[in-house]
Amino acid sequence: HGRQIAAALVQGLDGVLMGSRFLVCEEI
């Protein structure tokens, strides 16, 4: 979720790695 991306950036991290969330995309 985007809230988690925001939380990671607020902590001082530079980005996120995601896999499971994309499993339902049409291109998979």
mmCIF file of all heavy atoms, coordinates in Angstrom:
data_MODEL
# 
_entry.id   MODEL 
# 
loop_
_atom_site.group_PDB 
_atom_site.id 
_atom_site.type_symbol 
_atom_site.label_atom_id 
_atom_site.label_alt_id 
_atom_site.label_comp_id 
_atom_site.label_asym_id 
_atom_site.label_entity_id 
_atom_site.label_seq_id 
_atom_site.pdbx_PDB_ins_code 
_atom_site.Cartn_x 
_atom_site.Cartn_y 
_atom_site.Cartn_z 
_atom_site.occupancy 
_atom_site.B_iso_or_equiv 
_atom_site.pdbx_formal_charge 
_atom_site.auth_seq_id 
_atom_site.auth_comp_id 
_atom_site.auth_asym_id 
_atom_site.auth_atom_id 
_atom_site.pdbx_PDB_model_num 
ATOM 1   N N   . HIS A 1 1  ? 0.848  -1.194  0.000   1.00 0.00 ? 1  HIS A N   1 
ATOM 2   C CA  . HIS A 1 1  ? 0.000  0.000   0.000   1.00 0.00 ? 1  HIS A CA  1 
ATOM 3   C C   . HIS A 1 1  ? 0.882  1.240   0.000   1.00 0.00 ? 1  HIS A C   1 
ATOM 4   O O   . HIS A 1 1  ? 1.990  1.235   0.551   1.00 0.00 ? 1  HIS A O   1 
ATOM 5   C CB  . HIS A 1 1  ? -0.898 0.001   1.238   1.00 0.00 ? 1  HIS A CB  1 
ATOM 6   C CG  . HIS A 1 1  ? -2.050 0.958   1.156   1.00 0.00 ? 1  HIS A CG  1 
ATOM 7   N ND1 . HIS A 1 1  ? -1.915 2.323   1.354   1.00 0.00 ? 1  HIS A ND1 1 
ATOM 8   C CD2 . HIS A 1 1  ? -3.376 0.748   0.898   1.00 0.00 ? 1  HIS A CD2 1 
ATOM 9   C CE1 . HIS A 1 1  ? -3.090 2.907   1.221   1.00 0.00 ? 1  HIS A CE1 1 
ATOM 10  N NE2 . HIS A 1 1  ? -3.995 1.982   0.944   1.00 0.00 ? 1  HIS A NE2 1 
ATOM 11  N N   . GLY A 1 2  ? 0.370  2.319   -0.611  1.00 0.00 ? 2  GLY A N   1 
ATOM 12  C CA  . GLY A 1 2  ? 1.134  3.553   -0.676  1.00 0.00 ? 2  GLY A CA  1 
ATOM 13  C C   . GLY A 1 2  ? 1.459  4.143   0.683   1.00 0.00 ? 2  GLY A C   1 
ATOM 14  O O   . GLY A 1 2  ? 2.472  4.842   0.839   1.00 0.00 ? 2  GLY A O   1 
ATOM 15  N N   . ARG A 1 3  ? 0.595  3.892   1.682   1.00 0.00 ? 3  ARG A N   1 
ATOM 16  C CA  . ARG A 1 3  ? 0.901  4.383   3.030   1.00 0.00 ? 3  ARG A CA  1 
ATOM 17  C C   . ARG A 1 3  ? 2.232  3.829   3.528   1.00 0.00 ? 3  ARG A C   1 
ATOM 18  O O   . ARG A 1 3  ? 2.984  4.506   4.233   1.00 0.00 ? 3  ARG A O   1 
ATOM 19  C CB  . ARG A 1 3  ? -0.209 3.988   4.000   1.00 0.00 ? 3  ARG A CB  1 
ATOM 20  C CG  . ARG A 1 3  ? -1.508 4.756   3.836   1.00 0.00 ? 3  ARG A CG  1 
ATOM 21  C CD  . ARG A 1 3  ? -2.455 4.487   5.006   1.00 0.00 ? 3  ARG A CD  1 
ATOM 22  N NE  . ARG A 1 3  ? -2.845 3.084   5.057   1.00 0.00 ? 3  ARG A NE  1 
ATOM 23  C CZ  . ARG A 1 3  ? -3.960 2.600   4.514   1.00 0.00 ? 3  ARG A CZ  1 
ATOM 24  N NH1 . ARG A 1 3  ? -4.779 3.423   3.858   1.00 0.00 ? 3  ARG A NH1 1 
ATOM 25  N NH2 . ARG A 1 3  ? -4.267 1.319   4.615   1.00 0.00 ? 3  ARG A NH2 1 
ATOM 26  N N   . GLN A 1 4  ? 2.516  2.581   3.156   1.00 0.00 ? 4  GLN A N   1 
ATOM 27  C CA  . GLN A 1 4  ? 3.775  1.966   3.584   1.00 0.00 ? 4  GLN A CA  1 
ATOM 28  C C   . GLN A 1 4  ? 4.965  2.565   2.838   1.00 0.00 ? 4  GLN A C   1 
ATOM 29  O O   . GLN A 1 4  ? 6.053  2.684   3.404   1.00 0.00 ? 4  GLN A O   1 
ATOM 30  C CB  . GLN A 1 4  ? 3.696  0.458   3.360   1.00 0.00 ? 4  GLN A CB  1 
ATOM 31  C CG  . GLN A 1 4  ? 2.668  -0.235  4.231   1.00 0.00 ? 4  GLN A CG  1 
ATOM 32  C CD  . GLN A 1 4  ? 2.415  -1.651  3.761   1.00 0.00 ? 4  GLN A CD  1 
ATOM 33  O OE1 . GLN A 1 4  ? 1.865  -1.877  2.683   1.00 0.00 ? 4  GLN A OE1 1 
ATOM 34  N NE2 . GLN A 1 4  ? 2.837  -2.616  4.557   1.00 0.00 ? 4  GLN A NE2 1 
ATOM 35  N N   . ILE A 1 5  ? 4.755  2.925   1.585   1.00 0.00 ? 5  ILE A N   1 
ATOM 36  C CA  . ILE A 1 5  ? 5.821  3.603   0.845   1.00 0.00 ? 5  ILE A CA  1 
ATOM 37  C C   . ILE A 1 5  ? 6.135  4.930   1.517   1.00 0.00 ? 5  ILE A C   1 
ATOM 38  O O   . ILE A 1 5  ? 7.305  5.273   1.744   1.00 0.00 ? 5  ILE A O   1 
ATOM 39  C CB  . ILE A 1 5  ? 5.409  3.821   -0.621  1.00 0.00 ? 5  ILE A CB  1 
ATOM 40  C CG1 . ILE A 1 5  ? 5.179  2.477   -1.315  1.00 0.00 ? 5  ILE A CG1 1 
ATOM 41  C CG2 . ILE A 1 5  ? 6.469  4.639   -1.357  1.00 0.00 ? 5  ILE A CG2 1 
ATOM 42  C CD1 . ILE A 1 5  ? 4.636  2.598   -2.730  1.00 0.00 ? 5  ILE A CD1 1 
ATOM 43  N N   . ALA A 1 6  ? 5.094  5.688   1.850   1.00 0.00 ? 6  ALA A N   1 
ATOM 44  C CA  . ALA A 1 6  ? 5.291  6.967   2.539   1.00 0.00 ? 6  ALA A CA  1 
ATOM 45  C C   . ALA A 1 6  ? 6.013  6.760   3.858   1.00 0.00 ? 6  ALA A C   1 
ATOM 46  O O   . ALA A 1 6  ? 6.937  7.515   4.208   1.00 0.00 ? 6  ALA A O   1 
ATOM 47  C CB  . ALA A 1 6  ? 3.939  7.645   2.767   1.00 0.00 ? 6  ALA A CB  1 
ATOM 48  N N   . ALA A 1 7  ? 5.622  5.727   4.605   1.00 0.00 ? 7  ALA A N   1 
ATOM 49  C CA  . ALA A 1 7  ? 6.249  5.457   5.898   1.00 0.00 ? 7  ALA A CA  1 
ATOM 50  C C   . ALA A 1 7  ? 7.728  5.135   5.737   1.00 0.00 ? 7  ALA A C   1 
ATOM 51  O O   . ALA A 1 7  ? 8.571  5.577   6.525   1.00 0.00 ? 7  ALA A O   1 
ATOM 52  C CB  . ALA A 1 7  ? 5.532  4.305   6.599   1.00 0.00 ? 7  ALA A CB  1 
ATOM 53  N N   . ALA A 1 8  ? 8.061  4.364   4.702   1.00 0.00 ? 8  ALA A N   1 
ATOM 54  C CA  . ALA A 1 8  ? 9.466  4.019   4.462   1.00 0.00 ? 8  ALA A CA  1 
ATOM 55  C C   . ALA A 1 8  ? 10.276 5.271   4.125   1.00 0.00 ? 8  ALA A C   1 
ATOM 56  O O   . ALA A 1 8  ? 11.388 5.463   4.635   1.00 0.00 ? 8  ALA A O   1 
ATOM 57  C CB  . ALA A 1 8  ? 9.572  2.992   3.334   1.00 0.00 ? 8  ALA A CB  1 
ATOM 58  N N   . LEU A 1 9  ? 9.726  6.135   3.284   1.00 0.00 ? 9  LEU A N   1 
ATOM 59  C CA  . LEU A 1 9  ? 10.446 7.343   2.900   1.00 0.00 ? 9  LEU A CA  1 
ATOM 60  C C   . LEU A 1 9  ? 10.612 8.285   4.091   1.00 0.00 ? 9  LEU A C   1 
ATOM 61  O O   . LEU A 1 9  ? 11.665 8.909   4.262   1.00 0.00 ? 9  LEU A O   1 
ATOM 62  C CB  . LEU A 1 9  ? 9.720  8.045   1.757   1.00 0.00 ? 9  LEU A CB  1 
ATOM 63  C CG  . LEU A 1 9  ? 9.604  7.264   0.440   1.00 0.00 ? 9  LEU A CG  1 
ATOM 64  C CD1 . LEU A 1 9  ? 8.849  8.080   -0.596  1.00 0.00 ? 9  LEU A CD1 1 
ATOM 65  C CD2 . LEU A 1 9  ? 10.968 6.845   -0.083  1.00 0.00 ? 9  LEU A CD2 1 
ATOM 66  N N   . VAL A 1 10 ? 9.587  8.381   4.950   1.00 0.00 ? 10 VAL A N   1 
ATOM 67  C CA  . VAL A 1 10 ? 9.680  9.231   6.134   1.00 0.00 ? 10 VAL A CA  1 
ATOM 68  C C   . VAL A 1 10 ? 10.769 8.736   7.072   1.00 0.00 ? 10 VAL A C   1 
ATOM 69  O O   . VAL A 1 10 ? 11.467 9.538   7.713   1.00 0.00 ? 10 VAL A O   1 
ATOM 70  C CB  . VAL A 1 10 ? 8.314  9.293   6.855   1.00 0.00 ? 10 VAL A CB  1 
ATOM 71  C CG1 . VAL A 1 10 ? 8.461  9.891   8.246   1.00 0.00 ? 10 VAL A CG1 1 
ATOM 72  C CG2 . VAL A 1 10 ? 7.322  10.113  6.039   1.00 0.00 ? 10 VAL A CG2 1 
ATOM 73  N N   . GLN A 1 11 ? 10.941 7.418   7.136   1.00 0.00 ? 11 GLN A N   1 
ATOM 74  C CA  . GLN A 1 11 ? 11.989 6.859   7.995   1.00 0.00 ? 11 GLN A CA  1 
ATOM 75  C C   . GLN A 1 11 ? 13.392 7.191   7.487   1.00 0.00 ? 11 GLN A C   1 
ATOM 76  O O   . GLN A 1 11 ? 14.360 7.056   8.225   1.00 0.00 ? 11 GLN A O   1 
ATOM 77  C CB  . GLN A 1 11 ? 11.853 5.335   8.086   1.00 0.00 ? 11 GLN A CB  1 
ATOM 78  C CG  . GLN A 1 11 ? 10.730 4.853   8.958   1.00 0.00 ? 11 GLN A CG  1 
ATOM 79  C CD  . GLN A 1 11 ? 10.935 3.407   9.376   1.00 0.00 ? 11 GLN A CD  1 
ATOM 80  O OE1 . GLN A 1 11 ? 11.862 3.083   10.111  1.00 0.00 ? 11 GLN A OE1 1 
ATOM 81  N NE2 . GLN A 1 11 ? 10.072 2.525   8.907   1.00 0.00 ? 11 GLN A NE2 1 
ATOM 82  N N   . GLY A 1 12 ? 13.495 7.599   6.229   1.00 0.00 ? 12 GLY A N   1 
ATOM 83  C CA  . GLY A 1 12 ? 14.802 7.897   5.669   1.00 0.00 ? 12 GLY A CA  1 
ATOM 84  C C   . GLY A 1 12 ? 15.291 6.871   4.675   1.00 0.00 ? 12 GLY A C   1 
ATOM 85  O O   . GLY A 1 12 ? 16.424 6.952   4.191   1.00 0.00 ? 12 GLY A O   1 
ATOM 86  N N   . LEU A 1 13 ? 14.422 5.906   4.342   1.00 0.00 ? 13 LEU A N   1 
ATOM 87  C CA  . LEU A 1 13 ? 14.766 4.913   3.329   1.00 0.00 ? 13 LEU A CA  1 
ATOM 88  C C   . LEU A 1 13 ? 14.566 5.521   1.935   1.00 0.00 ? 13 LEU A C   1 
ATOM 89  O O   . LEU A 1 13 ? 13.910 6.544   1.777   1.00 0.00 ? 13 LEU A O   1 
ATOM 90  C CB  . LEU A 1 13 ? 13.897 3.678   3.501   1.00 0.00 ? 13 LEU A CB  1 
ATOM 91  C CG  . LEU A 1 13 ? 14.169 2.921   4.823   1.00 0.00 ? 13 LEU A CG  1 
ATOM 92  C CD1 . LEU A 1 13 ? 12.910 2.253   5.321   1.00 0.00 ? 13 LEU A CD1 1 
ATOM 93  C CD2 . LEU A 1 13 ? 15.284 1.917   4.638   1.00 0.00 ? 13 LEU A CD2 1 
ATOM 94  N N   . ASP A 1 14 ? 15.144 4.859   0.932   1.00 0.00 ? 14 ASP A N   1 
ATOM 95  C CA  . ASP A 1 14 ? 15.142 5.419   -0.424  1.00 0.00 ? 14 ASP A CA  1 
ATOM 96  C C   . ASP A 1 14 ? 14.139 4.775   -1.361  1.00 0.00 ? 14 ASP A C   1 
ATOM 97  O O   . ASP A 1 14 ? 14.002 5.203   -2.511  1.00 0.00 ? 14 ASP A O   1 
ATOM 98  C CB  . ASP A 1 14 ? 16.543 5.290   -1.021  1.00 0.00 ? 14 ASP A CB  1 
ATOM 99  C CG  . ASP A 1 14 ? 17.572 6.081   -0.233  1.00 0.00 ? 14 ASP A CG  1 
ATOM 100 O OD1 . ASP A 1 14 ? 17.599 7.312   -0.372  1.00 0.00 ? 14 ASP A OD1 1 
ATOM 101 O OD2 . ASP A 1 14 ? 18.323 5.458   0.541   1.00 0.00 ? 14 ASP A OD2 1 
ATOM 102 N N   . GLY A 1 15 ? 13.456 3.736   -0.902  1.00 0.00 ? 15 GLY A N   1 
ATOM 103 C CA  . GLY A 1 15 ? 12.489 3.076   -1.760  1.00 0.00 ? 15 GLY A CA  1 
ATOM 104 C C   . GLY A 1 15 ? 12.010 1.783   -1.144  1.00 0.00 ? 15 GLY A C   1 
ATOM 105 O O   . GLY A 1 15 ? 12.387 1.420   -0.019  1.00 0.00 ? 15 GLY A O   1 
ATOM 106 N N   . VAL A 1 16 ? 11.155 1.079   -1.896  1.00 0.00 ? 16 VAL A N   1 
ATOM 107 C CA  . VAL A 1 16 ? 10.599 -0.182  -1.427  1.00 0.00 ? 16 VAL A CA  1 
ATOM 108 C C   . VAL A 1 16 ? 10.740 -1.252  -2.507  1.00 0.00 ? 16 VAL A C   1 
ATOM 109 O O   . VAL A 1 16 ? 10.866 -0.945  -3.695  1.00 0.00 ? 16 VAL A O   1 
ATOM 110 C CB  . VAL A 1 16 ? 9.109  -0.039  -1.041  1.00 0.00 ? 16 VAL A CB  1 
ATOM 111 C CG1 . VAL A 1 16 ? 8.941  0.937   0.116   1.00 0.00 ? 16 VAL A CG1 1 
ATOM 112 C CG2 . VAL A 1 16 ? 8.261  0.375   -2.239  1.00 0.00 ? 16 VAL A CG2 1 
ATOM 113 N N   . LEU A 1 17 ? 10.696 -2.489  -2.054  1.00 0.00 ? 17 LEU A N   1 
ATOM 114 C CA  . LEU A 1 17 ? 10.710 -3.659  -2.934  1.00 0.00 ? 17 LEU A CA  1 
ATOM 115 C C   . LEU A 1 17 ? 9.395  -4.391  -2.725  1.00 0.00 ? 17 LEU A C   1 
ATOM 116 O O   . LEU A 1 17 ? 9.017  -4.698  -1.595  1.00 0.00 ? 17 LEU A O   1 
ATOM 117 C CB  . LEU A 1 17 ? 11.885 -4.567  -2.580  1.00 0.00 ? 17 LEU A CB  1 
ATOM 118 C CG  . LEU A 1 17 ? 11.964 -5.924  -3.289  1.00 0.00 ? 17 LEU A CG  1 
ATOM 119 C CD1 . LEU A 1 17 ? 12.216 -5.738  -4.773  1.00 0.00 ? 17 LEU A CD1 1 
ATOM 120 C CD2 . LEU A 1 17 ? 13.068 -6.784  -2.667  1.00 0.00 ? 17 LEU A CD2 1 
ATOM 121 N N   . MET A 1 18 ? 8.678  -4.662  -3.819  1.00 0.00 ? 18 MET A N   1 
ATOM 122 C CA  . MET A 1 18 ? 7.362  -5.287  -3.736  1.00 0.00 ? 18 MET A CA  1 
ATOM 123 C C   . MET A 1 18 ? 7.259  -6.448  -4.714  1.00 0.00 ? 18 MET A C   1 
ATOM 124 O O   . MET A 1 18 ? 7.732  -6.350  -5.845  1.00 0.00 ? 18 MET A O   1 
ATOM 125 C CB  . MET A 1 18 ? 6.269  -4.250  -4.052  1.00 0.00 ? 18 MET A CB  1 
ATOM 126 C CG  . MET A 1 18 ? 6.299  -3.022  -3.168  1.00 0.00 ? 18 MET A CG  1 
ATOM 127 S SD  . MET A 1 18 ? 5.134  -1.752  -3.713  1.00 0.00 ? 18 MET A SD  1 
ATOM 128 C CE  . MET A 1 18 ? 3.607  -2.633  -3.582  1.00 0.00 ? 18 MET A CE  1 
ATOM 129 N N   . GLY A 1 19 ? 6.613  -7.522  -4.274  1.00 0.00 ? 19 GLY A N   1 
ATOM 130 C CA  . GLY A 1 19 ? 6.412  -8.659  -5.161  1.00 0.00 ? 19 GLY A CA  1 
ATOM 131 C C   . GLY A 1 19 ? 4.981  -9.160  -5.143  1.00 0.00 ? 19 GLY A C   1 
ATOM 132 O O   . GLY A 1 19 ? 4.293  -9.183  -6.164  1.00 0.00 ? 19 GLY A O   1 
ATOM 133 N N   . SER A 1 20 ? 4.507  -9.560  -3.961  1.00 0.00 ? 20 SER A N   1 
ATOM 134 C CA  . SER A 1 20 ? 3.184  -10.184 -3.859  1.00 0.00 ? 20 SER A CA  1 
ATOM 135 C C   . SER A 1 20 ? 2.068  -9.295  -4.380  1.00 0.00 ? 20 SER A C   1 
ATOM 136 O O   . SER A 1 20 ? 1.122  -9.776  -5.014  1.00 0.00 ? 20 SER A O   1 
ATOM 137 C CB  . SER A 1 20 ? 2.905  -10.572 -2.399  1.00 0.00 ? 20 SER A CB  1 
ATOM 138 O OG  . SER A 1 20 ? 3.829  -11.542 -1.947  1.00 0.00 ? 20 SER A OG  1 
ATOM 139 N N   . ARG A 1 21 ? 2.177  -7.997  -4.136  1.00 0.00 ? 21 ARG A N   1 
ATOM 140 C CA  . ARG A 1 21 ? 1.117  -7.075  -4.564  1.00 0.00 ? 21 ARG A CA  1 
ATOM 141 C C   . ARG A 1 21 ? 0.936  -7.080  -6.084  1.00 0.00 ? 21 ARG A C   1 
ATOM 142 O O   . ARG A 1 21 ? -0.161 -6.808  -6.598  1.00 0.00 ? 21 ARG A O   1 
ATOM 143 C CB  . ARG A 1 21 ? 1.450  -5.658  -4.076  1.00 0.00 ? 21 ARG A CB  1 
ATOM 144 C CG  . ARG A 1 21 ? 0.423  -4.593  -4.471  1.00 0.00 ? 21 ARG A CG  1 
ATOM 145 C CD  . ARG A 1 21 ? -0.926 -4.861  -3.833  1.00 0.00 ? 21 ARG A CD  1 
ATOM 146 N NE  . ARG A 1 21 ? -1.936 -3.903  -4.295  1.00 0.00 ? 21 ARG A NE  1 
ATOM 147 C CZ  . ARG A 1 21 ? -2.680 -4.071  -5.389  1.00 0.00 ? 21 ARG A CZ  1 
ATOM 148 N NH1 . ARG A 1 21 ? -2.518 -5.156  -6.149  1.00 0.00 ? 21 ARG A NH1 1 
ATOM 149 N NH2 . ARG A 1 21 ? -3.590 -3.178  -5.732  1.00 0.00 ? 21 ARG A NH2 1 
ATOM 150 N N   . PHE A 1 22 ? 2.012  -7.392  -6.817  1.00 0.00 ? 22 PHE A N   1 
ATOM 151 C CA  . PHE A 1 22 ? 1.939  -7.367  -8.278  1.00 0.00 ? 22 PHE A CA  1 
ATOM 152 C C   . PHE A 1 22 ? 1.466  -8.684  -8.882  1.00 0.00 ? 22 PHE A C   1 
ATOM 153 O O   . PHE A 1 22 ? 1.298  -8.781  -10.104 1.00 0.00 ? 22 PHE A O   1 
ATOM 154 C CB  . PHE A 1 22 ? 3.306  -7.013  -8.857  1.00 0.00 ? 22 PHE A CB  1 
ATOM 155 C CG  . PHE A 1 22 ? 3.759  -5.607  -8.555  1.00 0.00 ? 22 PHE A CG  1 
ATOM 156 C CD1 . PHE A 1 22 ? 5.057  -5.350  -8.148  1.00 0.00 ? 22 PHE A CD1 1 
ATOM 157 C CD2 . PHE A 1 22 ? 2.888  -4.542  -8.676  1.00 0.00 ? 22 PHE A CD2 1 
ATOM 158 C CE1 . PHE A 1 22 ? 5.485  -4.065  -7.876  1.00 0.00 ? 22 PHE A CE1 1 
ATOM 159 C CE2 . PHE A 1 22 ? 3.297  -3.242  -8.402  1.00 0.00 ? 22 PHE A CE2 1 
ATOM 160 C CZ  . PHE A 1 22 ? 4.594  -2.994  -7.999  1.00 0.00 ? 22 PHE A CZ  1 
ATOM 161 N N   . LEU A 1 23 ? 1.248  -9.712  -8.070  1.00 0.00 ? 23 LEU A N   1 
ATOM 162 C CA  . LEU A 1 23 ? 0.889  -11.023 -8.610  1.00 0.00 ? 23 LEU A CA  1 
ATOM 163 C C   . LEU A 1 23 ? -0.455 -11.028 -9.336  1.00 0.00 ? 23 LEU A C   1 
ATOM 164 O O   . LEU A 1 23 ? -0.712 -11.916 -10.155 1.00 0.00 ? 23 LEU A O   1 
ATOM 165 C CB  . LEU A 1 23 ? 0.863  -12.072 -7.489  1.00 0.00 ? 23 LEU A CB  1 
ATOM 166 C CG  . LEU A 1 23 ? 2.225  -12.540 -6.988  1.00 0.00 ? 23 LEU A CG  1 
ATOM 167 C CD1 . LEU A 1 23 ? 2.061  -13.419 -5.759  1.00 0.00 ? 23 LEU A CD1 1 
ATOM 168 C CD2 . LEU A 1 23 ? 2.965  -13.299 -8.089  1.00 0.00 ? 23 LEU A CD2 1 
ATOM 169 N N   . VAL A 1 24 ? -1.292 -10.054 -9.050  1.00 0.00 ? 24 VAL A N   1 
ATOM 170 C CA  . VAL A 1 24 ? -2.607 -10.020 -9.704  1.00 0.00 ? 24 VAL A CA  1 
ATOM 171 C C   . VAL A 1 24 ? -2.630 -9.037  -10.870 1.00 0.00 ? 24 VAL A C   1 
ATOM 172 O O   . VAL A 1 24 ? -3.717 -8.730  -11.392 1.00 0.00 ? 24 VAL A O   1 
ATOM 173 C CB  . VAL A 1 24 ? -3.727 -9.667  -8.693  1.00 0.00 ? 24 VAL A CB  1 
ATOM 174 C CG1 . VAL A 1 24 ? -3.852 -10.764 -7.647  1.00 0.00 ? 24 VAL A CG1 1 
ATOM 175 C CG2 . VAL A 1 24 ? -3.468 -8.312  -8.038  1.00 0.00 ? 24 VAL A CG2 1 
ATOM 176 N N   . CYS A 1 25 ? -1.484 -8.561  -11.292 1.00 0.00 ? 25 CYS A N   1 
ATOM 177 C CA  . CYS A 1 25 ? -1.493 -7.664  -12.451 1.00 0.00 ? 25 CYS A CA  1 
ATOM 178 C C   . CYS A 1 25 ? -1.727 -8.477  -13.731 1.00 0.00 ? 25 CYS A C   1 
ATOM 179 O O   . CYS A 1 25 ? -1.429 -9.671  -13.790 1.00 0.00 ? 25 CYS A O   1 
ATOM 180 C CB  . CYS A 1 25 ? -0.203 -6.852  -12.543 1.00 0.00 ? 25 CYS A CB  1 
ATOM 181 S SG  . CYS A 1 25 ? 1.246  -7.742  -13.118 1.00 0.00 ? 25 CYS A SG  1 
ATOM 182 N N   . GLU A 1 26 ? -2.253 -7.815  -14.733 1.00 0.00 ? 26 GLU A N   1 
ATOM 183 C CA  . GLU A 1 26 ? -2.582 -8.505  -15.982 1.00 0.00 ? 26 GLU A CA  1 
ATOM 184 C C   . GLU A 1 26 ? -1.351 -9.072  -16.668 1.00 0.00 ? 26 GLU A C   1 
ATOM 185 O O   . GLU A 1 26 ? -1.436 -10.085 -17.372 1.00 0.00 ? 26 GLU A O   1 
ATOM 186 C CB  . GLU A 1 26 ? -3.303 -7.538  -16.929 1.00 0.00 ? 26 GLU A CB  1 
ATOM 187 C CG  . GLU A 1 26 ? -4.695 -7.151  -16.452 1.00 0.00 ? 26 GLU A CG  1 
ATOM 188 C CD  . GLU A 1 26 ? -5.372 -6.162  -17.381 1.00 0.00 ? 26 GLU A CD  1 
ATOM 189 O OE1 . GLU A 1 26 ? -4.715 -5.711  -18.357 1.00 0.00 ? 26 GLU A OE1 1 
ATOM 190 O OE2 . GLU A 1 26 ? -6.556 -5.838  -17.149 1.00 0.00 ? 26 GLU A OE2 1 
ATOM 191 N N   . GLU A 1 27 ? -0.209 -8.443  -16.473 1.00 0.00 ? 27 GLU A N   1 
ATOM 192 C CA  . GLU A 1 27 ? 0.998  -8.854  -17.188 1.00 0.00 ? 27 GLU A CA  1 
ATOM 193 C C   . GLU A 1 27 ? 1.686  -10.076 -16.591 1.00 0.00 ? 27 GLU A C   1 
ATOM 194 O O   . GLU A 1 27 ? 2.582  -10.650 -17.206 1.00 0.00 ? 27 GLU A O   1 
ATOM 195 C CB  . GLU A 1 27 ? 1.986  -7.686  -17.235 1.00 0.00 ? 27 GLU A CB  1 
ATOM 196 C CG  . GLU A 1 27 ? 1.524  -6.495  -18.047 1.00 0.00 ? 27 GLU A CG  1 
ATOM 197 C CD  . GLU A 1 27 ? 0.643  -5.534  -17.285 1.00 0.00 ? 27 GLU A CD  1 
ATOM 198 O OE1 . GLU A 1 27 ? 0.298  -5.833  -16.111 1.00 0.00 ? 27 GLU A OE1 1 
ATOM 199 O OE2 . GLU A 1 27 ? 0.298  -4.473  -17.827 1.00 0.00 ? 27 GLU A OE2 1 
ATOM 200 N N   . ILE A 1 28 ? 1.302  -10.466 -15.384 1.00 0.00 ? 28 ILE A N   1 
ATOM 201 C CA  . ILE A 1 28 ? 1.887  -11.664 -14.769 1.00 0.00 ? 28 ILE A CA  1 
ATOM 202 C C   . ILE A 1 28 ? 1.366  -12.905 -15.493 1.00 0.00 ? 28 ILE A C   1 
ATOM 203 O O   . ILE A 1 28 ? 0.152  -13.083 -15.665 1.00 0.00 ? 28 ILE A O   1 
ATOM 204 C CB  . ILE A 1 28 ? 1.529  -11.744 -13.271 1.00 0.00 ? 28 ILE A CB  1 
ATOM 205 C CG1 . ILE A 1 28 ? 2.423  -10.790 -12.467 1.00 0.00 ? 28 ILE A CG1 1 
ATOM 206 C CG2 . ILE A 1 28 ? 1.676  -13.161 -12.742 1.00 0.00 ? 28 ILE A CG2 1 
ATOM 207 C CD1 . ILE A 1 28 ? 3.838  -11.272 -12.253 1.00 0.00 ? 28 ILE A CD1 1 
# 
